[in-house]
Amino acid sequence: MNSPLFERVRGIAADILGVGPSQIMPQSSSENIETWDSVHHLNLILAFEQEFGVQLEPEEIDQMNNVERIIRILEQKLNHHG
C-alpha cells in the first residue's frame, strides 16, 4: 500500500503515536504499536476528521482498529462526500 492517502495517514499516525513513519504499516494497530492506546486512538480520530474534513460515525470509529481499515473508511468517506 503506497497511496497518497496512506502516506498522509502514516504521517499523522506516526506523529500522534510518537513512532517513526516506517513503523506505520497497513496492519499496524494497538496490538503491535505500544503507544496506540485509547487516548491516542481518540487523538488519531480527531486528527483524521480535521485533516480530511470528514465526520466519522461511532460505528466507523469502532471499526478503525488498524491502519488498513482506517484508510478504507476514509476512502469511503472522501469518495462519498468528495
Protein backbone atom coordinates (compact mmCIF):
# COMPACT_ATOMS: atom_id res chain seq x y z
CA MET A 1 0.00 0.00 0.00
CA ASN A 2 1.69 3.15 -1.19
CA SER A 3 -1.04 5.68 -1.97
CA PRO A 4 -1.06 9.40 -1.18
CA LEU A 5 -3.82 8.71 1.37
CA PHE A 6 -1.69 6.05 3.07
CA GLU A 7 1.24 8.47 3.24
CA ARG A 8 -0.95 11.15 4.86
CA VAL A 9 -2.42 8.68 7.36
CA ARG A 10 1.06 7.30 8.05
CA GLY A 11 2.41 10.78 8.80
CA ILE A 12 -0.45 11.68 11.13
CA ALA A 13 -0.32 8.34 12.93
CA ALA A 14 3.45 8.46 13.35
CA ASP A 15 3.24 11.97 14.79
CA ILE A 16 0.44 11.20 17.25
CA LEU A 17 1.80 7.80 18.28
CA GLY A 18 5.36 9.07 18.61
CA VAL A 19 6.90 6.49 16.30
CA GLY A 20 8.84 6.66 13.05
CA PRO A 21 6.76 6.65 9.85
CA SER A 22 8.43 3.39 8.81
CA GLN A 23 6.75 1.72 11.82
CA ILE A 24 3.29 2.56 10.44
CA MET A 25 2.20 -0.19 8.07
CA PRO A 26 -1.26 -1.29 6.82
CA GLN A 27 -1.53 -3.89 9.60
CA SER A 28 -0.35 -1.53 12.35
CA SER A 29 -2.78 -1.46 15.28
CA SER A 30 -2.96 -1.21 19.04
CA GLU A 31 -1.87 -4.85 19.07
CA ASN A 32 1.57 -4.08 17.67
CA ILE A 33 2.20 -0.39 18.45
CA GLU A 34 2.73 0.05 22.18
CA THR A 35 1.72 3.72 22.28
CA TRP A 36 -1.61 3.12 20.46
CA ASP A 37 -3.93 3.24 23.48
CA SER A 38 -7.49 4.56 23.84
CA VAL A 39 -6.40 8.18 24.33
CA HIS A 40 -4.11 8.10 21.30
CA HIS A 41 -6.90 6.40 19.32
CA LEU A 42 -9.22 9.33 20.03
CA ASN A 43 -6.46 11.75 19.08
CA LEU A 44 -5.99 9.86 15.81
CA ILE A 45 -9.71 10.05 15.03
CA LEU A 46 -9.84 13.79 15.76
CA ALA A 47 -6.75 14.39 13.62
CA PHE A 48 -8.19 12.41 10.70
CA GLU A 49 -11.51 14.28 10.92
CA GLN A 50 -9.68 17.61 10.88
CA GLU A 51 -7.14 16.68 8.20
CA PHE A 52 -9.69 15.18 5.79
CA GLY A 53 -12.74 17.33 6.65
CA VAL A 54 -14.95 14.36 7.48
CA GLN A 55 -17.24 13.45 10.37
CA LEU A 56 -16.75 9.86 11.50
CA GLU A 57 -19.66 7.92 12.95
CA PRO A 58 -19.28 5.87 16.16
CA GLU A 59 -19.64 2.62 14.16
CA GLU A 60 -16.86 3.70 11.81
CA ILE A 61 -14.61 4.67 14.72
CA ASP A 62 -15.16 1.23 16.28
CA GLN A 63 -14.06 -0.41 13.01
CA MET A 64 -10.90 1.72 12.70
CA ASN A 65 -8.70 -0.72 14.59
CA ASN A 66 -5.78 -0.85 12.15
CA VAL A 67 -4.27 1.41 9.51
CA GLU A 68 -5.71 -0.54 6.57
CA ARG A 69 -9.27 -0.19 7.92
CA ILE A 70 -8.70 3.48 8.71
CA ILE A 71 -7.71 4.06 5.09
CA ARG A 72 -10.65 2.04 3.76
CA ILE A 73 -13.14 4.04 5.84
CA LEU A 74 -11.53 7.37 4.95
CA GLU A 75 -11.62 6.43 1.24
CA GLN A 76 -15.34 5.69 1.53
CA LYS A 77 -15.99 8.99 3.31
CA LEU A 78 -13.91 11.00 0.86
CA ASN A 79 -15.44 9.35 -2.21
CA HIS A 80 -18.95 9.78 -0.81
CA HIS A 81 -18.53 13.40 0.24
CA GLY A 82 -15.90 14.48 -2.25
